[in-house]
C-alpha atoms as a PDB file:
ATOM      1  CA  MET A   1       0.028  -0.065  -0.045  1.00  0.00           C
ATOM      2  CA  GLU A   2       1.160   3.509  -0.775  1.00  0.00           C
ATOM      3  CA  ARG A   3       2.352   6.026   1.858  1.00  0.00           C
ATOM      4  CA  ILE A   4       0.846   9.455   2.082  1.00  0.00           C
ATOM      5  CA  ARG A   5       3.163  12.267   2.985  1.00  0.00           C
ATOM      6  CA  THR A   6       3.874  15.804   2.210  1.00  0.00           C
ATOM      7  CA  ALA A   7       5.465  16.569  -1.244  1.00  0.00           C
ATOM      8  CA  ARG A   8       9.155  17.335  -1.459  1.00  0.00           C
ATOM      9  CA  ALA A   9      10.398  20.216  -3.641  1.00  0.00           C
ATOM     10  CA  ASP A  10      12.267  17.709  -5.898  1.00  0.00           C
ATOM     11  CA  GLU A  11       8.971  15.964  -6.828  1.00  0.00           C
ATOM     12  CA  LEU A  12       7.139  18.930  -8.276  1.00  0.00           C
ATOM     13  CA  ALA A  13       7.763  18.095 -11.903  1.00  0.00           C
ATOM     14  CA  ASP A  14       6.786  14.577 -11.247  1.00  0.00           C
ATOM     15  CA  LEU A  15       3.426  15.758  -9.901  1.00  0.00           C
ATOM     16  CA  GLN A  16       3.040  17.799 -13.124  1.00  0.00           C
ATOM     17  CA  ARG A  17       3.625  14.412 -15.128  1.00  0.00           C
ATOM     18  CA  ILE A  18       1.052  12.589 -12.950  1.00  0.00           C
ATOM     19  CA  GLU A  19      -1.529  15.441 -13.568  1.00  0.00           C
ATOM     20  CA  ALA A  20      -0.886  15.514 -17.379  1.00  0.00           C
ATOM     21  CA  ALA A  21      -1.161  11.652 -17.425  1.00  0.00           C
ATOM     22  CA  SER A  22      -4.370  11.684 -15.411  1.00  0.00           C
ATOM     23  CA  GLY A  23      -5.954  13.997 -18.027  1.00  0.00           C
ATOM     24  CA  ALA A  24      -5.844  11.240 -20.676  1.00  0.00           C
ATOM     25  CA  PRO A  25      -9.174   9.642 -19.844  1.00  0.00           C
ATOM     26  CA  PHE A  26     -10.815  13.044 -20.756  1.00  0.00           C
ATOM     27  CA  ARG A  27      -9.729  12.660 -24.346  1.00  0.00           C
ATOM     28  CA  GLU A  28     -11.478   9.416 -24.563  1.00  0.00           C
ATOM     29  CA  ILE A  29     -14.697  10.976 -23.802  1.00  0.00           C
ATOM     30  CA  GLY A  30     -14.200  13.900 -26.142  1.00  0.00           C
ATOM     31  CA  MET A  31     -12.986  16.479 -23.686  1.00  0.00           C
ATOM     32  CA  VAL A  32      -9.783  17.178 -25.565  1.00  0.00           C
ATOM     33  CA  ASP A  33      -9.268  20.649 -24.106  1.00  0.00           C
ATOM     34  CA  VAL A  34      -9.320  19.373 -20.641  1.00  0.00           C
ATOM     35  CA  ALA A  35      -6.953  16.494 -21.525  1.00  0.00           C
ATOM     36  CA  ASP A  36      -4.599  18.942 -23.143  1.00  0.00           C
ATOM     37  CA  ALA A  37      -4.745  21.692 -20.351  1.00  0.00           C
ATOM     38  CA  PRO A  38      -1.554  22.451 -18.718  1.00  0.00           C
ATOM     39  CA  PRO A  39      -0.924  21.110 -15.190  1.00  0.00           C
ATOM     40  CA  LEU A  40      -0.664  23.293 -12.135  1.00  0.00           C
ATOM     41  CA  GLY A  41       2.333  25.555 -12.418  1.00  0.00           C
ATOM     42  CA  LEU A  42       5.705  24.692 -10.564  1.00  0.00           C
ATOM     43  CA  ASP A  43       5.067  27.969  -8.665  1.00  0.00           C
ATOM     44  CA  VAL A  44       1.616  26.974  -7.556  1.00  0.00           C
ATOM     45  CA  LEU A  45       2.771  23.618  -6.470  1.00  0.00           C
ATOM     46  CA  ASP A  46       5.883  25.002  -4.753  1.00  0.00           C
ATOM     47  CA  GLU A  47       3.633  27.536  -2.867  1.00  0.00           C
ATOM     48  CA  GLY A  48       1.320  24.856  -1.633  1.00  0.00           C
ATOM     49  CA  ARG A  49       4.322  22.561  -0.702  1.00  0.00           C
ATOM     50  CA  ARG A  50       6.020  25.190   1.545  1.00  0.00           C
ATOM     51  CA  ALA A  51       2.595  25.911   3.156  1.00  0.00           C
ATOM     52  CA  GLY A  52       2.211  22.005   3.800  1.00  0.00           C
ATOM     53  CA  ARG A  53      -0.598  21.618   1.507  1.00  0.00           C
ATOM     54  CA  VAL A  54       0.577  19.348  -1.142  1.00  0.00           C
ATOM     55  CA  TRP A  55       0.421  15.689  -0.428  1.00  0.00           C
ATOM     56  CA  VAL A  56       1.570  12.662  -2.405  1.00  0.00           C
ATOM     57  CA  ALA A  57       0.671   8.930  -2.282  1.00  0.00           C
ATOM     58  CA  ALA A  58       4.169   7.194  -2.776  1.00  0.00           C
ATOM     59  CA  ASP A  59       4.790   3.722  -3.908  1.00  0.00           C
ATOM     60  CA  ALA A  60       7.056   1.117  -2.233  1.00  0.00           C
ATOM     61  CA  ASP A  61      10.043   2.970  -3.770  1.00  0.00           C
ATOM     62  CA  ASP A  62       8.872   6.206  -2.253  1.00  0.00           C
ATOM     63  CA  ARG A  63       8.025   7.659  -5.843  1.00  0.00           C
ATOM     64  CA  PRO A  64       4.734   9.758  -6.252  1.00  0.00           C
ATOM     65  CA  ILE A  65       1.961   7.996  -7.981  1.00  0.00           C
ATOM     66  CA  ALA A  66      -0.841  10.485  -6.922  1.00  0.00           C
ATOM     67  CA  PHE A  67      -1.165  13.836  -5.203  1.00  0.00           C
ATOM     68  CA  ALA A  68      -3.582  16.451  -3.797  1.00  0.00           C
ATOM     69  CA  VAL A  69      -3.356  20.083  -3.397  1.00  0.00           C
ATOM     70  CA  ALA A  70      -5.488  22.091  -1.030  1.00  0.00           C
ATOM     71  CA  HIS A  71      -5.976  25.786   0.122  1.00  0.00           C
ATOM     72  CA  LEU A  72      -8.708  27.584   1.956  1.00  0.00           C
ATOM     73  CA  VAL A  73     -11.656  28.785   0.329  1.00  0.00           C
ATOM     74  CA  ASP A  74     -14.615  30.113   2.330  1.00  0.00           C
ATOM     75  CA  ASP A  75     -12.960  28.792   5.467  1.00  0.00           C
ATOM     76  CA  CYS A  76     -12.831  25.321   4.166  1.00  0.00           C
ATOM     77  CA  ALA A  77     -10.070  23.118   2.839  1.00  0.00           C
ATOM     78  CA  HIS A  78     -10.675  23.289  -0.961  1.00  0.00           C
ATOM     79  CA  VAL A  79      -9.287  20.487  -2.911  1.00  0.00           C
ATOM     80  CA  GLN A  80      -7.799  22.296  -5.824  1.00  0.00           C
ATOM     81  CA  GLN A  81      -6.269  19.235  -7.521  1.00  0.00           C
ATOM     82  CA  LEU A  82      -6.513  15.429  -7.100  1.00  0.00           C
ATOM     83  CA  SER A  83      -4.590  13.534  -9.612  1.00  0.00           C
ATOM     84  CA  VAL A  84      -3.810   9.747  -9.733  1.00  0.00           C
ATOM     85  CA  HIS A  85      -1.415   8.339 -12.313  1.00  0.00           C
ATOM     86  CA  PRO A  86      -3.661   6.046 -14.674  1.00  0.00           C
ATOM     87  CA  ALA A  87      -1.607   3.119 -13.911  1.00  0.00           C
ATOM     88  CA  HIS A  88      -2.632   3.315 -10.301  1.00  0.00           C
ATOM     89  CA  ALA A  89      -6.130   4.367 -10.692  1.00  0.00           C
ATOM     90  CA  ARG A  90      -9.361   2.338  -9.349  1.00  0.00           C
ATOM     91  CA  ARG A  91      -7.494   1.154  -6.362  1.00  0.00           C
ATOM     92  CA  GLY A  92      -8.714   3.717  -3.739  1.00  0.00           C
ATOM     93  CA  VAL A  93      -5.664   6.008  -3.888  1.00  0.00           C
ATOM     94  CA  GLY A  94      -7.376   9.056  -4.585  1.00  0.00           C
ATOM     95  CA  ARG A  95     -10.020   8.248  -1.856  1.00  0.00           C
ATOM     96  CA  ARG A  96      -7.138   7.714   0.741  1.00  0.00           C
ATOM     97  CA  LEU A  97      -5.681  11.056  -0.313  1.00  0.00           C
ATOM     98  CA  LEU A  98      -9.052  12.825   0.232  1.00  0.00           C
ATOM     99  CA  ASP A  99      -9.308  11.193   3.682  1.00  0.00           C
ATOM    100  CA  HIS A 100      -5.748  12.477   4.437  1.00  0.00           C
ATOM    101  CA  VAL A 101      -6.731  15.936   3.538  1.00  0.00           C
ATOM    102  CA  ALA A 102      -9.957  15.561   5.474  1.00  0.00           C
ATOM    103  CA  GLY A 103      -7.799  14.596   8.476  1.00  0.00           C
ATOM    104  CA  TRP A 104      -5.457  17.552   7.924  1.00  0.00           C
ATOM    105  CA  ALA A 105      -8.597  19.921   7.664  1.00  0.00           C
ATOM    106  CA  ALA A 106     -10.276  18.468  10.751  1.00  0.00           C
ATOM    107  CA  GLU A 107      -7.031  19.062  12.854  1.00  0.00           C
ATOM    108  CA  ARG A 108      -7.270  22.824  11.992  1.00  0.00           C
ATOM    109  CA  GLY A 109     -10.864  22.946  12.956  1.00  0.00           C
ATOM    110  CA  LEU A 110     -12.147  23.523   9.366  1.00  0.00           C
ATOM    111  CA  PRO A 111     -15.731  22.540   8.888  1.00  0.00           C
ATOM    112  CA  ALA A 112     -15.451  20.754   5.473  1.00  0.00           C
ATOM    113  CA  LEU A 113     -13.721  20.062   2.290  1.00  0.00           C
ATOM    114  CA  THR A 114     -14.921  21.486  -0.924  1.00  0.00           C
ATOM    115  CA  LEU A 115     -14.060  21.037  -4.668  1.00  0.00           C
ATOM    116  CA  THR A 116     -15.351  21.919  -8.043  1.00  0.00           C
ATOM    117  CA  THR A 117     -15.554  19.258 -10.657  1.00  0.00           C
ATOM    118  CA  PHE A 118     -17.431  18.057 -13.811  1.00  0.00           C
ATOM    119  CA  ARG A 119     -20.997  17.109 -13.158  1.00  0.00           C
ATOM    120  CA  SER A 120     -21.186  14.674 -16.134  1.00  0.00           C
ATOM    121  CA  VAL A 121     -17.770  12.806 -15.919  1.00  0.00           C
ATOM    122  CA  PRO A 122     -18.195   9.435 -14.285  1.00  0.00           C
ATOM    123  CA  TRP A 123     -14.825   9.611 -12.384  1.00  0.00           C
ATOM    124  CA  ASN A 124     -15.622  13.418 -11.098  1.00  0.00           C
ATOM    125  CA  ALA A 125     -18.977  14.382  -9.540  1.00  0.00           C
ATOM    126  CA  PRO A 126     -20.286  10.783  -9.107  1.00  0.00           C
ATOM    127  CA  TYR A 127     -16.925   9.603  -7.884  1.00  0.00           C
ATOM    128  CA  TYR A 128     -16.795  12.386  -5.248  1.00  0.00           C
ATOM    129  CA  ALA A 129     -20.435  11.785  -4.242  1.00  0.00           C
ATOM    130  CA  ARG A 130     -19.360   8.115  -3.494  1.00  0.00           C
ATOM    131  CA  CYS A 131     -16.606   9.832  -1.170  1.00  0.00           C
ATOM    132  CA  GLY A 132     -19.037  11.711   0.846  1.00  0.00           C
ATOM    133  CA  PHE A 133     -19.298  15.005  -1.095  1.00  0.00           C
ATOM    134  CA  VAL A 134     -22.682  16.656  -1.916  1.00  0.00           C
ATOM    135  CA  ALA A 135     -23.386  18.951  -4.614  1.00  0.00           C
ATOM    136  CA  LEU A 136     -24.094  22.502  -3.680  1.00  0.00           C
ATOM    137  CA  SER A 137     -26.745  24.748  -5.103  1.00  0.00           C
ATOM    138  CA  PRO A 138     -25.915  28.122  -6.374  1.00  0.00           C
ATOM    139  CA  ALA A 139     -27.590  29.615  -3.284  1.00  0.00           C
ATOM    140  CA  GLN A 140     -25.249  27.593  -1.077  1.00  0.00           C
ATOM    141  CA  LEU A 141     -21.991  28.830  -2.595  1.00  0.00           C
ATOM    142  CA  GLY A 142     -19.809  31.273  -0.615  1.00  0.00           C
ATOM    143  CA  PRO A 143     -17.942  33.944  -2.343  1.00  0.00           C
ATOM    144  CA  GLY A 144     -14.830  31.938  -2.715  1.00  0.00           C
ATOM    145  CA  LEU A 145     -16.463  28.926  -4.541  1.00  0.00           C
ATOM    146  CA  THR A 146     -18.361  31.420  -6.633  1.00  0.00           C
ATOM    147  CA  GLU A 147     -14.959  32.961  -7.590  1.00  0.00           C
ATOM    148  CA  VAL A 148     -13.547  29.679  -8.268  1.00  0.00           C
ATOM    149  CA  LEU A 149     -16.319  28.672 -10.705  1.00  0.00           C
ATOM    150  CA  THR A 150     -16.147  32.042 -12.371  1.00  0.00           C
ATOM    151  CA  ALA A 151     -12.494  31.563 -13.128  1.00  0.00           C
ATOM    152  CA  GLU A 152     -13.041  28.163 -14.507  1.00  0.00           C
ATOM    153  CA  ALA A 153     -15.760  29.595 -16.793  1.00  0.00           C
ATOM    154  CA  ALA A 154     -13.188  32.071 -17.917  1.00  0.00           C
ATOM    155  CA  LEU A 155     -10.556  29.432 -18.777  1.00  0.00           C
ATOM    156  CA  GLY A 156     -13.410  27.842 -20.996  1.00  0.00           C
ATOM    157  CA  LEU A 157     -15.035  25.196 -18.759  1.00  0.00           C
ATOM    158  CA  ASP A 158     -18.620  24.939 -19.406  1.00  0.00           C
ATOM    159  CA  PRO A 159     -20.349  26.392 -16.379  1.00  0.00           C
ATOM    160  CA  ALA A 160     -23.205  24.079 -17.052  1.00  0.00           C
ATOM    161  CA  ASP A 161     -21.171  21.138 -16.433  1.00  0.00           C
ATOM    162  CA  ARG A 162     -19.404  22.367 -13.477  1.00  0.00           C
ATOM    163  CA  VAL A 163     -20.430  21.726  -9.847  1.00  0.00           C
ATOM    164  CA  ALA A 164     -19.077  22.925  -6.488  1.00  0.00           C
ATOM    165  CA  MET A 165     -19.095  20.061  -3.900  1.00  0.00           C
ATOM    166  CA  ARG A 166     -18.675  19.873  -0.117  1.00  0.00           C
ATOM    167  CA  ARG A 167     -17.929  17.129   2.316  1.00  0.00           C
ATOM    168  CA  PRO A 168     -18.663  17.795   5.967  1.00  0.00           C
ATOM    169  CA  LEU A 169     -15.950  16.839   8.520  1.00  0.00           C
END
């Protein structure tokens, strides 16, 4: 079983490669723009790493196979990115990373995890629902989540297919 730990500075390019690889299944469902989207920048990853908010699931040789990035949005731990390399997908790695982030957030007295995702993609909103997340209505969105969704729309993501979700802690 993989070990979850804080990411190291020398692994950030590896995390970008994991994120890029994890986008490949989007190509198979016709979401080429999503599949080809650039990964989080090294500056974003490094800022999160220095703040202790980037975690990796590492294999038996201590190499990252998946990662999560979180930051605060509306006083909740917002999962900005969760990526599992396809060679390690469908084995519960993503769920264990989410549970780790939830533990981190609970230790800090935060009330919930939040994220935004695709409503119609099977490994997105339906997956997160199985992990305890609930879709939020527009009336339930705080200003931070509203801003996240607005920024995603500005990047070209279809607002009708985006959903904000919350998992109480």
